Amino acid sequence: QEDVMSGYVRLLRRQVEQAFRSSRMVAVCQYNSMPDEDVVTMRHYLRKHNIEVKFVLNEIVRPVLEQSKYRNLLPLFVCRNILLVSPETRALEMLRVLKGIPQVNLLGACIDDTILSRRGVENFAQLPSLEASQGQMVGALALLPSQTSSLLQRGPSLLTALLDEHIRRLRDTGAPGKPPQEQG
């Protein structure tokens, strides 16, 4: 009987390790009892955003975290917890779903190997997407060469205009070999 239990515990720990290893976002939430149909609804809405709900026991999670780079998350595991895991960073979508579920309280998260408090997750969710940031960067970088080109052309254009003006003045004075005399 004990061998079966220890084998089961090892399996559960491996599943927790795998969840942390394969997910870019792991959120730790305090879980207060709620009706089963509400749990199913919550799972459904989170799954729409590719976020899975994992019910975990502290006895399983704590030993895994103690031996990992996520040990700073240990203080969050003192009550009944659930993990919200996703291979993508879906913080904004997660917060929107959790806003309507008072029985589940976000305590903190690990997003892209960075441990964040609840406030940190909220701030992270306000950041523009990576694609939007990259688009802005490409736009800014594309503007620089055209500005550089116009700045480099300004000097030769000015020189050409001054030479044209000088030639015009020479023609107007009628002295092809001599520059015009300054009045003064």
N, C-alpha and C. Protein backbone atom coordinates (compact mmCIF):
# COMPACT_ATOMS: atom_id res chain seq x y z
N GLN A 1 0.84 -1.20 0.00
CA GLN A 1 0.00 0.00 0.00
C GLN A 1 0.88 1.26 0.00
N GLU A 2 1.94 1.25 0.82
CA GLU A 2 2.81 2.43 0.90
C GLU A 2 3.59 2.63 -0.39
N ASP A 3 4.01 1.54 -1.05
CA ASP A 3 4.71 1.66 -2.33
C ASP A 3 3.82 2.31 -3.39
N VAL A 4 2.55 1.94 -3.38
CA VAL A 4 1.61 2.52 -4.33
C VAL A 4 1.46 4.01 -4.07
N MET A 5 1.34 4.39 -2.79
CA MET A 5 1.20 5.81 -2.44
C MET A 5 2.45 6.60 -2.82
N SER A 6 3.63 6.05 -2.51
CA SER A 6 4.85 6.79 -2.84
C SER A 6 5.02 6.90 -4.35
N GLY A 7 4.62 5.88 -5.09
CA GLY A 7 4.66 5.95 -6.55
C GLY A 7 3.70 7.01 -7.08
N TYR A 8 2.52 7.08 -6.46
CA TYR A 8 1.53 8.07 -6.86
C TYR A 8 2.02 9.49 -6.55
N VAL A 9 2.64 9.66 -5.38
CA VAL A 9 3.19 10.96 -4.99
C VAL A 9 4.29 11.38 -5.97
N ARG A 10 5.17 10.44 -6.34
CA ARG A 10 6.23 10.75 -7.32
C ARG A 10 5.64 11.17 -8.66
N LEU A 11 4.58 10.47 -9.08
CA LEU A 11 3.92 10.81 -10.34
C LEU A 11 3.35 12.23 -10.28
N LEU A 12 2.67 12.56 -9.18
CA LEU A 12 2.10 13.90 -9.03
C LEU A 12 3.19 14.97 -9.02
N ARG A 13 4.29 14.68 -8.35
CA ARG A 13 5.40 15.65 -8.31
C ARG A 13 6.00 15.86 -9.70
N ARG A 14 6.12 14.77 -10.46
CA ARG A 14 6.63 14.90 -11.83
C ARG A 14 5.69 15.75 -12.68
N GLN A 15 4.39 15.59 -12.46
CA GLN A 15 3.41 16.39 -13.20
C GLN A 15 3.55 17.88 -12.85
N VAL A 16 3.78 18.17 -11.58
CA VAL A 16 3.98 19.57 -11.17
C VAL A 16 5.26 20.11 -11.79
N GLU A 17 6.34 19.33 -11.75
CA GLU A 17 7.60 19.75 -12.37
C GLU A 17 7.40 20.04 -13.85
N GLN A 18 6.67 19.15 -14.52
CA GLN A 18 6.41 19.32 -15.95
C GLN A 18 5.59 20.58 -16.21
N ALA A 19 4.61 20.85 -15.36
CA ALA A 19 3.79 22.06 -15.52
C ALA A 19 4.65 23.31 -15.43
N PHE A 20 5.57 23.35 -14.48
CA PHE A 20 6.45 24.52 -14.34
C PHE A 20 7.43 24.61 -15.51
N ARG A 21 7.95 23.47 -15.94
CA ARG A 21 8.95 23.46 -17.00
C ARG A 21 8.36 23.86 -18.36
N SER A 22 7.15 23.41 -18.64
CA SER A 22 6.59 23.60 -19.99
C SER A 22 5.71 24.84 -20.12
N SER A 23 5.59 25.62 -19.07
CA SER A 23 4.69 26.78 -19.10
C SER A 23 5.45 28.08 -18.99
N ARG A 24 5.06 29.04 -19.82
CA ARG A 24 5.64 30.38 -19.70
C ARG A 24 4.96 31.17 -18.59
N MET A 25 3.74 30.76 -18.24
CA MET A 25 3.02 31.44 -17.18
C MET A 25 2.46 30.40 -16.20
N VAL A 26 2.83 30.55 -14.93
CA VAL A 26 2.27 29.72 -13.86
C VAL A 26 1.80 30.69 -12.78
N ALA A 27 0.49 30.73 -12.59
CA ALA A 27 -0.09 31.62 -11.58
C ALA A 27 -0.53 30.80 -10.38
N VAL A 28 -0.26 31.31 -9.18
CA VAL A 28 -0.65 30.65 -7.94
C VAL A 28 -1.85 31.41 -7.38
N CYS A 29 -2.93 30.67 -7.15
CA CYS A 29 -4.16 31.29 -6.64
C CYS A 29 -4.62 30.60 -5.37
N GLN A 30 -5.19 31.38 -4.48
CA GLN A 30 -5.86 30.83 -3.30
C GLN A 30 -7.23 30.37 -3.78
N TYR A 31 -7.59 29.14 -3.39
CA TYR A 31 -8.86 28.57 -3.85
C TYR A 31 -9.78 28.38 -2.66
N ASN A 32 -10.93 29.03 -2.70
CA ASN A 32 -11.97 28.83 -1.69
C ASN A 32 -13.08 28.01 -2.34
N SER A 33 -13.72 27.18 -1.55
CA SER A 33 -14.74 26.27 -2.08
C SER A 33 -15.77 27.01 -2.92
N MET A 34 -16.17 26.35 -4.00
CA MET A 34 -17.20 26.89 -4.87
C MET A 34 -17.95 25.73 -5.50
N PRO A 35 -19.17 25.94 -5.94
CA PRO A 35 -19.95 24.86 -6.54
C PRO A 35 -19.25 24.27 -7.76
N ASP A 36 -19.46 22.97 -7.98
CA ASP A 36 -18.81 22.28 -9.09
C ASP A 36 -19.10 22.92 -10.44
N GLU A 37 -20.33 23.38 -10.64
CA GLU A 37 -20.66 23.99 -11.94
C GLU A 37 -19.89 25.29 -12.15
N ASP A 38 -19.58 26.00 -11.07
CA ASP A 38 -18.76 27.21 -11.19
C ASP A 38 -17.32 26.86 -11.54
N VAL A 39 -16.83 25.75 -10.99
CA VAL A 39 -15.47 25.29 -11.32
C VAL A 39 -15.40 24.93 -12.80
N VAL A 40 -16.42 24.22 -13.28
CA VAL A 40 -16.46 23.84 -14.70
C VAL A 40 -16.51 25.09 -15.58
N THR A 41 -17.31 26.06 -15.20
CA THR A 41 -17.41 27.31 -15.97
C THR A 41 -16.07 28.05 -15.98
N MET A 42 -15.42 28.14 -14.81
CA MET A 42 -14.12 28.81 -14.72
C MET A 42 -13.11 28.10 -15.63
N ARG A 43 -13.07 26.77 -15.55
CA ARG A 43 -12.13 26.01 -16.39
C ARG A 43 -12.41 26.27 -17.87
N HIS A 44 -13.68 26.32 -18.22
CA HIS A 44 -14.05 26.55 -19.62
C HIS A 44 -13.55 27.91 -20.11
N TYR A 45 -13.81 28.95 -19.34
CA TYR A 45 -13.39 30.30 -19.75
C TYR A 45 -11.87 30.41 -19.81
N LEU A 46 -11.18 29.80 -18.87
CA LEU A 46 -9.71 29.85 -18.89
C LEU A 46 -9.16 29.03 -20.05
N ARG A 47 -9.77 27.88 -20.32
CA ARG A 47 -9.29 27.03 -21.41
C ARG A 47 -9.44 27.73 -22.76
N LYS A 48 -10.43 28.61 -22.89
CA LYS A 48 -10.59 29.38 -24.13
C LYS A 48 -9.34 30.19 -24.43
N HIS A 49 -8.60 30.56 -23.39
CA HIS A 49 -7.38 31.35 -23.55
C HIS A 49 -6.12 30.50 -23.39
N ASN A 50 -6.29 29.19 -23.51
CA ASN A 50 -5.17 28.24 -23.40
C ASN A 50 -4.53 28.26 -22.01
N ILE A 51 -5.37 28.42 -20.99
CA ILE A 51 -4.91 28.39 -19.60
C ILE A 51 -5.56 27.19 -18.92
N GLU A 52 -4.74 26.32 -18.36
CA GLU A 52 -5.23 25.12 -17.69
C GLU A 52 -5.26 25.34 -16.18
N VAL A 53 -6.25 24.75 -15.52
CA VAL A 53 -6.38 24.81 -14.07
C VAL A 53 -5.85 23.51 -13.49
N LYS A 54 -4.92 23.61 -12.54
CA LYS A 54 -4.35 22.43 -11.88
C LYS A 54 -4.62 22.54 -10.38
N PHE A 55 -5.37 21.58 -9.85
CA PHE A 55 -5.59 21.51 -8.41
C PHE A 55 -4.42 20.75 -7.82
N VAL A 56 -3.72 21.35 -6.88
CA VAL A 56 -2.51 20.74 -6.33
C VAL A 56 -2.57 20.76 -4.80
N LEU A 57 -1.92 19.78 -4.23
CA LEU A 57 -1.79 19.73 -2.77
C LEU A 57 -0.44 20.33 -2.38
N ASN A 58 -0.43 21.07 -1.30
CA ASN A 58 0.82 21.68 -0.84
C ASN A 58 1.87 20.62 -0.55
N GLU A 59 1.45 19.45 -0.06
CA GLU A 59 2.40 18.37 0.24
C GLU A 59 3.11 17.89 -1.02
N ILE A 60 2.49 18.07 -2.17
CA ILE A 60 3.09 17.66 -3.44
C ILE A 60 3.96 18.80 -4.00
N VAL A 61 3.44 20.01 -3.95
CA VAL A 61 4.12 21.15 -4.60
C VAL A 61 5.34 21.61 -3.82
N ARG A 62 5.23 21.70 -2.52
CA ARG A 62 6.32 22.29 -1.72
C ARG A 62 7.66 21.58 -1.94
N PRO A 63 7.73 20.24 -1.88
CA PRO A 63 9.04 19.60 -2.12
C PRO A 63 9.59 19.86 -3.53
N VAL A 64 8.70 19.99 -4.51
CA VAL A 64 9.15 20.27 -5.88
C VAL A 64 9.77 21.67 -5.94
N LEU A 65 9.09 22.64 -5.33
CA LEU A 65 9.57 24.02 -5.38
C LEU A 65 10.85 24.22 -4.58
N GLU A 66 10.97 23.49 -3.45
CA GLU A 66 12.17 23.64 -2.61
C GLU A 66 13.44 23.33 -3.38
N GLN A 67 13.35 22.44 -4.36
CA GLN A 67 14.53 22.00 -5.10
C GLN A 67 14.61 22.65 -6.49
N SER A 68 13.92 23.75 -6.68
CA SER A 68 13.91 24.36 -8.01
C SER A 68 14.19 25.86 -7.93
N LYS A 69 14.28 26.45 -9.11
CA LYS A 69 14.50 27.90 -9.17
C LYS A 69 13.25 28.68 -8.77
N TYR A 70 12.15 27.98 -8.53
CA TYR A 70 10.90 28.63 -8.14
C TYR A 70 10.69 28.64 -6.63
N ARG A 71 11.73 28.40 -5.85
CA ARG A 71 11.57 28.29 -4.39
C ARG A 71 11.04 29.58 -3.76
N ASN A 72 11.19 30.71 -4.43
CA ASN A 72 10.65 31.97 -3.89
C ASN A 72 9.12 32.01 -3.93
N LEU A 73 8.50 31.05 -4.62
CA LEU A 73 7.04 30.96 -4.62
C LEU A 73 6.51 30.21 -3.39
N LEU A 74 7.39 29.55 -2.65
CA LEU A 74 6.97 28.73 -1.50
C LEU A 74 6.04 29.45 -0.52
N PRO A 75 6.29 30.71 -0.15
CA PRO A 75 5.40 31.36 0.82
C PRO A 75 3.94 31.46 0.35
N LEU A 76 3.70 31.31 -0.93
CA LEU A 76 2.33 31.40 -1.44
C LEU A 76 1.53 30.13 -1.17
N PHE A 77 2.22 29.04 -0.87
CA PHE A 77 1.55 27.75 -0.69
C PHE A 77 1.32 27.45 0.78
N VAL A 78 0.36 28.14 1.38
CA VAL A 78 0.03 27.91 2.79
C VAL A 78 -1.43 27.50 2.97
N CYS A 79 -2.23 27.63 1.95
CA CYS A 79 -3.64 27.28 2.06
C CYS A 79 -4.00 26.41 0.85
N ARG A 80 -5.27 26.27 0.57
CA ARG A 80 -5.69 25.51 -0.62
C ARG A 80 -5.37 26.35 -1.85
N ASN A 81 -4.59 25.78 -2.74
CA ASN A 81 -4.14 26.52 -3.91
C ASN A 81 -4.51 25.80 -5.19
N ILE A 82 -4.60 26.59 -6.25
CA ILE A 82 -4.66 26.03 -7.60
C ILE A 82 -3.58 26.74 -8.42
N LEU A 83 -3.14 26.05 -9.45
CA LEU A 83 -2.19 26.64 -10.39
C LEU A 83 -2.92 26.90 -11.70
N LEU A 84 -2.68 28.04 -12.28
CA LEU A 84 -3.19 28.35 -13.62
C LEU A 84 -1.96 28.40 -14.52
N VAL A 85 -1.88 27.45 -15.44
CA VAL A 85 -0.67 27.31 -16.25
C VAL A 85 -1.01 27.49 -17.73
N SER A 86 -0.06 28.09 -18.44
CA SER A 86 -0.25 28.31 -19.87
C SER A 86 1.11 28.34 -20.57
N PRO A 87 1.17 27.78 -21.78
CA PRO A 87 2.41 27.88 -22.55
C PRO A 87 2.63 29.29 -23.11
N GLU A 88 1.62 30.15 -22.96
CA GLU A 88 1.71 31.54 -23.42
C GLU A 88 1.55 32.47 -22.23
N THR A 89 1.92 33.72 -22.40
CA THR A 89 1.75 34.69 -21.31
C THR A 89 0.41 35.38 -21.48
N ARG A 90 -0.62 34.80 -20.89
CA ARG A 90 -1.99 35.30 -21.03
C ARG A 90 -2.47 35.97 -19.75
N ALA A 91 -1.67 36.86 -19.22
CA ALA A 91 -1.98 37.49 -17.93
C ALA A 91 -3.26 38.32 -17.99
N LEU A 92 -3.43 39.10 -19.04
CA LEU A 92 -4.61 39.96 -19.14
C LEU A 92 -5.89 39.13 -19.19
N GLU A 93 -5.89 38.09 -20.01
CA GLU A 93 -7.06 37.23 -20.13
C GLU A 93 -7.35 36.53 -18.82
N MET A 94 -6.30 36.06 -18.14
CA MET A 94 -6.47 35.40 -16.85
C MET A 94 -7.09 36.35 -15.83
N LEU A 95 -6.59 37.58 -15.78
CA LEU A 95 -7.13 38.55 -14.83
C LEU A 95 -8.59 38.87 -15.11
N ARG A 96 -8.95 38.95 -16.39
CA ARG A 96 -10.35 39.22 -16.74
C ARG A 96 -11.27 38.11 -16.25
N VAL A 97 -10.84 36.86 -16.42
CA VAL A 97 -11.66 35.73 -15.97
C VAL A 97 -11.73 35.72 -14.45
N LEU A 98 -10.59 35.89 -13.78
CA LEU A 98 -10.56 35.83 -12.31
C LEU A 98 -11.34 36.97 -11.67
N LYS A 99 -11.48 38.07 -12.38
CA LYS A 99 -12.22 39.22 -11.84
C LYS A 99 -13.65 38.83 -11.47
N GLY A 100 -14.23 37.92 -12.22
CA GLY A 100 -15.60 37.50 -11.98
C GLY A 100 -15.73 36.30 -11.05
N ILE A 101 -14.63 35.87 -10.44
CA ILE A 101 -14.66 34.69 -9.57
C ILE A 101 -14.06 35.06 -8.22
N PRO A 102 -14.87 35.52 -7.28
CA PRO A 102 -14.33 35.96 -5.99
C PRO A 102 -13.75 34.83 -5.14
N GLN A 103 -14.07 33.58 -5.45
CA GLN A 103 -13.55 32.45 -4.67
C GLN A 103 -12.11 32.10 -5.03
N VAL A 104 -11.59 32.68 -6.11
CA VAL A 104 -10.22 32.41 -6.54
C VAL A 104 -9.45 33.73 -6.52
N ASN A 105 -8.43 33.79 -5.67
CA ASN A 105 -7.64 35.02 -5.51
C ASN A 105 -6.22 34.79 -6.00
N LEU A 106 -5.81 35.61 -6.94
CA LEU A 106 -4.44 35.53 -7.45
C LEU A 106 -3.47 35.98 -6.37
N LEU A 107 -2.47 35.15 -6.09
CA LEU A 107 -1.45 35.49 -5.08
C LEU A 107 -0.16 35.97 -5.73
N GLY A 108 0.19 35.37 -6.84
CA GLY A 108 1.42 35.71 -7.54
C GLY A 108 1.57 34.81 -8.74
N ALA A 109 2.65 35.01 -9.48
CA ALA A 109 2.85 34.20 -10.68
C ALA A 109 4.32 34.19 -11.06
N CYS A 110 4.63 33.25 -11.91
CA CYS A 110 5.95 33.20 -12.54
C CYS A 110 5.69 33.29 -14.04
N ILE A 111 6.11 34.40 -14.63
CA ILE A 111 5.90 34.62 -16.06
C ILE A 111 7.25 34.79 -16.72
N ASP A 112 7.53 33.93 -17.69
CA ASP A 112 8.82 33.93 -18.39
C ASP A 112 9.98 33.93 -17.40
N ASP A 113 9.91 33.03 -16.42
CA ASP A 113 10.95 32.84 -15.40
C ASP A 113 11.16 34.06 -14.52
N THR A 114 10.16 34.92 -14.42
CA THR A 114 10.22 36.07 -13.52
C THR A 114 9.08 35.95 -12.53
N ILE A 115 9.41 35.96 -11.24
CA ILE A 115 8.39 35.84 -10.21
C ILE A 115 7.78 37.21 -9.95
N LEU A 116 6.44 37.26 -10.01
CA LEU A 116 5.72 38.52 -9.87
C LEU A 116 4.67 38.42 -8.77
N SER A 117 4.45 39.51 -8.07
CA SER A 117 3.35 39.60 -7.12
C SER A 117 2.05 39.81 -7.91
N ARG A 118 0.95 39.85 -7.18
CA ARG A 118 -0.32 40.14 -7.86
C ARG A 118 -0.23 41.47 -8.60
N ARG A 119 0.31 42.48 -7.96
CA ARG A 119 0.46 43.81 -8.56
C ARG A 119 1.38 43.73 -9.79
N GLY A 120 2.43 42.95 -9.68
CA GLY A 120 3.34 42.77 -10.81
C GLY A 120 2.64 42.13 -12.01
N VAL A 121 1.77 41.16 -11.74
CA VAL A 121 1.01 40.52 -12.82
C VAL A 121 0.07 41.54 -13.46
N GLU A 122 -0.58 42.36 -12.64
CA GLU A 122 -1.48 43.39 -13.17
C GLU A 122 -0.70 44.38 -14.04
N ASN A 123 0.48 44.78 -13.60
CA ASN A 123 1.31 45.69 -14.40
C ASN A 123 1.77 45.03 -15.69
N PHE A 124 2.16 43.75 -15.60
CA PHE A 124 2.59 43.00 -16.78
C PHE A 124 1.46 42.94 -17.81
N ALA A 125 0.24 42.75 -17.32
CA ALA A 125 -0.91 42.63 -18.22
C ALA A 125 -1.16 43.92 -18.99
N GLN A 126 -0.73 45.05 -18.46
CA GLN A 126 -0.95 46.34 -19.12
C GLN A 126 0.08 46.63 -20.22
N LEU A 127 1.15 45.85 -20.25
CA LEU A 127 2.19 46.07 -21.27
C LEU A 127 1.64 45.73 -22.65
N PRO A 128 2.10 46.43 -23.69
CA PRO A 128 1.66 46.07 -25.05
C PRO A 128 2.23 44.70 -25.41
N SER A 129 1.58 44.04 -26.35
CA SER A 129 2.04 42.72 -26.76
C SER A 129 3.41 42.83 -27.41
N LEU A 130 4.10 41.72 -27.46
CA LEU A 130 5.43 41.70 -28.07
C LEU A 130 5.35 42.11 -29.54
N GLU A 131 4.31 41.64 -30.23
CA GLU A 131 4.15 41.97 -31.64
C GLU A 131 3.96 43.48 -31.83
N ALA A 132 3.16 44.10 -30.96
CA ALA A 132 2.94 45.55 -31.06
C ALA A 132 4.23 46.30 -30.80
N SER A 133 4.98 45.87 -29.79
CA SER A 133 6.26 46.52 -29.47
C SER A 133 7.25 46.38 -30.62
N GLN A 134 7.28 45.18 -31.21
CA GLN A 134 8.19 44.97 -32.34
C GLN A 134 7.79 45.84 -33.53
N GLY A 135 6.48 45.98 -33.76
CA GLY A 135 6.01 46.84 -34.85
C GLY A 135 6.41 48.29 -34.65
N GLN A 136 6.29 48.76 -33.41
CA GLN A 136 6.69 50.14 -33.10
C GLN A 136 8.19 50.31 -33.30
N MET A 137 8.95 49.32 -32.89
CA MET A 137 10.41 49.39 -33.04
C MET A 137 10.80 49.41 -34.51
N VAL A 138 10.18 48.55 -35.31
CA VAL A 138 10.48 48.51 -36.74
C VAL A 138 10.14 49.85 -37.39
N GLY A 139 8.99 50.42 -37.01
CA GLY A 139 8.60 51.72 -37.56
C GLY A 139 9.61 52.80 -37.21
N ALA A 140 10.05 52.81 -35.96
CA ALA A 140 11.03 53.81 -35.53
C ALA A 140 12.37 53.61 -36.25
N LEU A 141 12.78 52.36 -36.39
CA LEU A 141 14.05 52.09 -37.06
C LEU A 141 13.98 52.39 -38.56
N ALA A 142 12.82 52.19 -39.17
CA ALA A 142 12.67 52.49 -40.60
C ALA A 142 12.73 53.99 -40.84
N LEU A 143 12.30 54.79 -39.88
CA LEU A 143 12.31 56.24 -40.02
C LEU A 143 13.74 56.79 -39.98
N LEU A 144 14.60 56.17 -39.19
CA LEU A 144 15.97 56.68 -39.03
C LEU A 144 16.76 56.74 -40.34
N PRO A 145 16.78 55.70 -41.18
CA PRO A 145 17.56 55.81 -42.42
C PRO A 145 17.05 56.91 -43.34
N SER A 146 15.72 57.10 -43.41
CA SER A 146 15.22 58.16 -44.30
C SER A 146 15.61 59.53 -43.75
N GLN A 147 15.57 59.70 -42.44
CA GLN A 147 16.01 60.98 -41.85
C GLN A 147 17.50 61.18 -42.09
N THR A 148 18.27 60.12 -41.91
CA THR A 148 19.72 60.21 -42.13
C THR A 148 20.00 60.58 -43.58
N SER A 149 19.27 59.95 -44.49
CA SER A 149 19.47 60.23 -45.91
C SER A 149 19.16 61.69 -46.22
N SER A 150 18.05 62.21 -45.69
CA SER A 150 17.71 63.61 -45.98
C SER A 150 18.72 64.56 -45.35
N LEU A 151 19.23 64.21 -44.17
CA LEU A 151 20.25 65.06 -43.54
C LEU A 151 21.55 65.05 -44.35
N LEU A 152 21.91 63.89 -44.87
CA LEU A 152 23.13 63.80 -45.68
C LEU A 152 22.97 64.53 -47.01
N GLN A 153 21.77 64.56 -47.55
CA GLN A 153 21.55 65.23 -48.83
C GLN A 153 21.44 66.74 -48.67
N ARG A 154 21.14 67.21 -47.48
CA ARG A 154 20.96 68.64 -47.24
C ARG A 154 22.25 69.41 -47.53
N GLY A 155 23.40 68.90 -47.09
CA GLY A 155 24.68 69.58 -47.32
C GLY A 155 24.99 69.73 -48.80
N PRO A 156 24.99 68.64 -49.58
CA PRO A 156 25.26 68.78 -51.02
C PRO A 156 24.22 69.65 -51.73
N SER A 157 22.96 69.56 -51.31
CA SER A 157 21.91 70.39 -51.94
C SER A 157 22.18 71.86 -51.69
N LEU A 158 22.57 72.19 -50.47
CA LEU A 158 22.87 73.59 -50.13
C LEU A 158 24.09 74.07 -50.92
N LEU A 159 25.12 73.23 -51.01
CA LEU A 159 26.31 73.58 -51.78
C LEU A 159 25.96 73.81 -53.25
N THR A 160 25.13 72.94 -53.81
CA THR A 160 24.71 73.09 -55.21
C THR A 160 23.95 74.39 -55.40
N ALA A 161 23.06 74.70 -54.48
CA ALA A 161 22.28 75.95 -54.58
C ALA A 161 23.20 77.16 -54.50
N LEU A 162 24.18 77.14 -53.59
CA LEU A 162 25.12 78.26 -53.47
C LEU A 162 25.97 78.41 -54.73
N LEU A 163 26.42 77.29 -55.30
CA LEU A 163 27.22 77.35 -56.53
C LEU A 163 26.38 77.87 -57.69
N ASP A 164 25.12 77.40 -57.77
CA ASP A 164 24.23 77.91 -58.83
C ASP A 164 24.03 79.41 -58.70
N GLU A 165 23.85 79.89 -57.48
CA GLU A 165 23.68 81.32 -57.23
C GLU A 165 24.95 82.08 -57.63
N HIS A 166 26.09 81.52 -57.30
CA HIS A 166 27.37 82.15 -57.64
C HIS A 166 27.53 82.23 -59.16
N ILE A 167 27.22 81.17 -59.86
CA ILE A 167 27.32 81.16 -61.33
C ILE A 167 26.36 82.17 -61.93
N ARG A 168 25.15 82.25 -61.41
CA ARG A 168 24.16 83.21 -61.91
C ARG A 168 24.68 84.64 -61.73
N ARG A 169 25.28 84.92 -60.58
CA ARG A 169 25.82 86.27 -60.35
C ARG A 169 26.98 86.57 -61.30
N LEU A 170 27.82 85.58 -61.53
CA LEU A 170 28.92 85.78 -62.48
C LEU A 170 28.38 86.11 -63.86
N ARG A 171 27.35 85.44 -64.29
CA ARG A 171 26.77 85.70 -65.61
C ARG A 171 26.15 87.09 -65.65
N ASP A 172 25.49 87.46 -64.56
CA ASP A 172 24.82 88.76 -64.51
C ASP A 172 25.82 89.92 -64.59
N THR A 173 27.00 89.76 -64.01
CA THR A 173 27.99 90.83 -64.03
C THR A 173 28.74 90.87 -65.35
N GLY A 174 28.69 89.81 -66.11
CA GLY A 174 29.32 89.79 -67.42
C GLY A 174 30.80 89.56 -67.39
N ALA A 175 31.40 89.28 -66.29
CA ALA A 175 32.82 89.02 -66.23
C ALA A 175 33.02 87.53 -66.01
N PRO A 176 33.27 86.78 -67.07
CA PRO A 176 33.33 85.33 -66.93
C PRO A 176 34.49 84.84 -66.08
N GLY A 177 35.58 85.50 -66.07
CA GLY A 177 36.73 85.01 -65.33
C GLY A 177 36.87 85.58 -63.95
N LYS A 178 36.17 86.68 -63.67
CA LYS A 178 36.36 87.35 -62.38
C LYS A 178 35.11 87.22 -61.53
N PRO A 179 35.32 87.06 -60.25
CA PRO A 179 34.16 87.07 -59.36
C PRO A 179 33.65 88.49 -59.23
N PRO A 180 32.38 88.69 -58.94
CA PRO A 180 31.84 90.04 -58.81
C PRO A 180 32.47 90.76 -57.64
N GLN A 181 32.65 92.10 -57.81
CA GLN A 181 33.22 92.91 -56.75
C GLN A 181 32.15 93.22 -55.72
N GLU A 182 32.55 93.15 -54.47
CA GLU A 182 31.62 93.46 -53.39
C GLU A 182 31.43 94.96 -53.32
N GLN A 183 30.22 95.37 -53.12
CA GLN A 183 29.92 96.79 -52.94
C GLN A 183 30.16 97.12 -51.48
N GLY A 184 30.85 98.11 -51.18
CA GLY A 184 30.91 98.38 -49.82
C GLY A 184 31.92 99.16 -49.27
